[in-house]
């Protein structure tokens, strides 16, 4: 009986990856940029329980690229969550404009 339980099929987890491009106008230093990006990263992590990191253009003053990742047994659930994250960023931020986003399932 134990042997049968150990070999039950299981759903393969899906990793969802959201790549976000932001325009941050009026920034004159990397410290100011960090003051916009860091609170956004913390809020996304807290409200959606996702992993977030700035992954590109760290040295560009007016531009930021964030990656948001989640893991789910259901690809549709992961896609829905990441879509909600992108829409929330567009609604929340008055000091950063959402230029584009891309969702991938890995």
Protein backbone atom coordinates (compact mmCIF):
# COMPACT_ATOMS: atom_id res chain seq x y z
CA UNK A 1 0.00 0.00 0.00
CA UNK A 2 2.78 2.46 0.86
CA UNK A 3 4.48 1.74 -2.48
CA UNK A 4 1.36 2.83 -4.40
CA UNK A 5 1.12 6.10 -2.46
CA UNK A 6 4.75 7.00 -3.11
CA UNK A 7 4.37 6.66 -6.88
CA UNK A 8 1.21 8.67 -7.43
CA UNK A 9 1.49 11.09 -10.33
CA UNK A 10 1.82 14.73 -9.37
CA UNK A 11 1.44 17.98 -11.21
CA UNK A 12 4.68 19.51 -12.40
CA UNK A 13 5.15 22.96 -10.94
CA UNK A 14 5.12 25.90 -13.31
CA UNK A 15 7.43 28.87 -12.91
CA UNK A 16 5.92 32.13 -14.09
CA UNK A 17 8.25 34.97 -15.03
CA UNK A 18 7.09 38.54 -15.50
CA UNK A 19 9.57 41.02 -16.98
CA UNK A 20 8.59 44.65 -16.43
CA UNK A 21 10.08 47.72 -18.09
CA UNK A 22 9.61 50.98 -16.22
CA UNK A 23 10.28 54.58 -17.19
CA UNK A 24 11.30 56.67 -14.18
CA UNK A 25 11.25 60.35 -15.20
CA UNK A 26 13.02 63.17 -13.41
CA UNK A 27 15.71 60.99 -11.82
CA UNK A 28 19.09 62.70 -11.48
CA UNK A 29 20.98 60.05 -9.51
CA UNK A 30 21.06 56.31 -8.95
CA UNK A 31 20.17 56.98 -5.31
CA UNK A 32 16.90 58.63 -6.42
CA UNK A 33 16.19 55.71 -8.73
CA UNK A 34 16.77 53.27 -5.87
CA UNK A 35 14.31 55.33 -3.82
CA UNK A 36 11.61 54.53 -6.40
CA UNK A 37 12.52 50.93 -7.24
CA UNK A 38 13.25 49.57 -3.76
CA UNK A 39 9.82 50.39 -2.23
CA UNK A 40 8.11 48.95 -5.31
CA UNK A 41 10.07 45.69 -4.99
CA UNK A 42 9.18 45.45 -1.28
CA UNK A 43 5.48 46.15 -1.90
CA UNK A 44 5.22 43.54 -4.65
CA UNK A 45 6.88 40.93 -2.45
CA UNK A 46 4.63 41.76 0.50
CA UNK A 47 1.30 41.98 -1.34
CA UNK A 48 1.70 39.14 -3.85
CA UNK A 49 4.26 36.83 -2.18
CA UNK A 50 6.43 36.81 -5.31
CA UNK A 51 10.17 37.09 -5.83
CA UNK A 52 11.23 40.42 -7.34
CA UNK A 53 14.59 41.75 -8.50
CA UNK A 54 15.93 44.56 -10.66
CA UNK A 55 17.62 42.60 -13.42
CA UNK A 56 18.74 45.06 -16.09
CA UNK A 57 19.64 48.71 -16.66
CA UNK A 58 20.74 49.19 -13.06
CA UNK A 59 23.03 52.03 -14.17
CA UNK A 60 20.43 53.77 -16.37
CA UNK A 61 18.81 56.70 -14.58
CA UNK A 62 15.43 56.83 -16.30
CA UNK A 63 14.85 53.14 -16.94
CA UNK A 64 14.41 50.05 -14.77
CA UNK A 65 13.77 46.41 -15.63
CA UNK A 66 12.26 44.19 -12.94
CA UNK A 67 11.74 40.44 -12.95
CA UNK A 68 8.90 38.94 -10.92
CA UNK A 69 8.71 35.18 -10.40
CA UNK A 70 6.12 32.84 -8.94
CA UNK A 71 5.66 29.07 -8.71
CA UNK A 72 2.30 27.36 -9.08
CA UNK A 73 0.89 23.94 -9.89
CA UNK A 74 -1.52 25.62 -12.33
CA UNK A 75 -0.06 27.65 -15.23
CA UNK A 76 -3.31 29.63 -15.59
CA UNK A 77 -3.13 30.65 -11.93
CA UNK A 78 0.49 31.81 -12.32
CA UNK A 79 -0.36 33.78 -15.46
CA UNK A 80 -3.34 35.42 -13.75
CA UNK A 81 -1.25 36.40 -10.72
CA UNK A 82 1.50 37.93 -12.86
CA UNK A 83 -1.03 39.82 -14.98
CA UNK A 84 -2.51 41.22 -11.77
CA UNK A 85 0.97 42.25 -10.60
CA UNK A 86 1.61 44.17 -13.84
CA UNK A 87 -1.80 45.87 -13.70
CA UNK A 88 -1.23 46.81 -10.06
CA UNK A 89 2.11 48.46 -10.87
CA UNK A 90 0.44 50.52 -13.58
CA UNK A 91 -2.24 51.62 -11.09
CA UNK A 92 0.03 52.26 -8.07
CA UNK A 93 3.00 54.17 -9.39
CA UNK A 94 2.74 57.85 -10.13
CA UNK A 95 6.54 58.27 -10.18
CA UNK A 96 7.23 55.36 -12.56
CA UNK A 97 5.46 54.55 -15.81
CA UNK A 98 4.94 50.98 -16.97
CA UNK A 99 6.37 50.86 -20.50
CA UNK A 100 5.92 47.17 -21.27
CA UNK A 101 5.68 43.76 -19.68
CA UNK A 102 6.10 40.16 -20.81
CA UNK A 103 4.91 36.98 -19.12
CA UNK A 104 6.61 33.63 -19.71
CA UNK A 105 5.81 30.19 -18.32
CA UNK A 106 8.87 28.01 -17.71
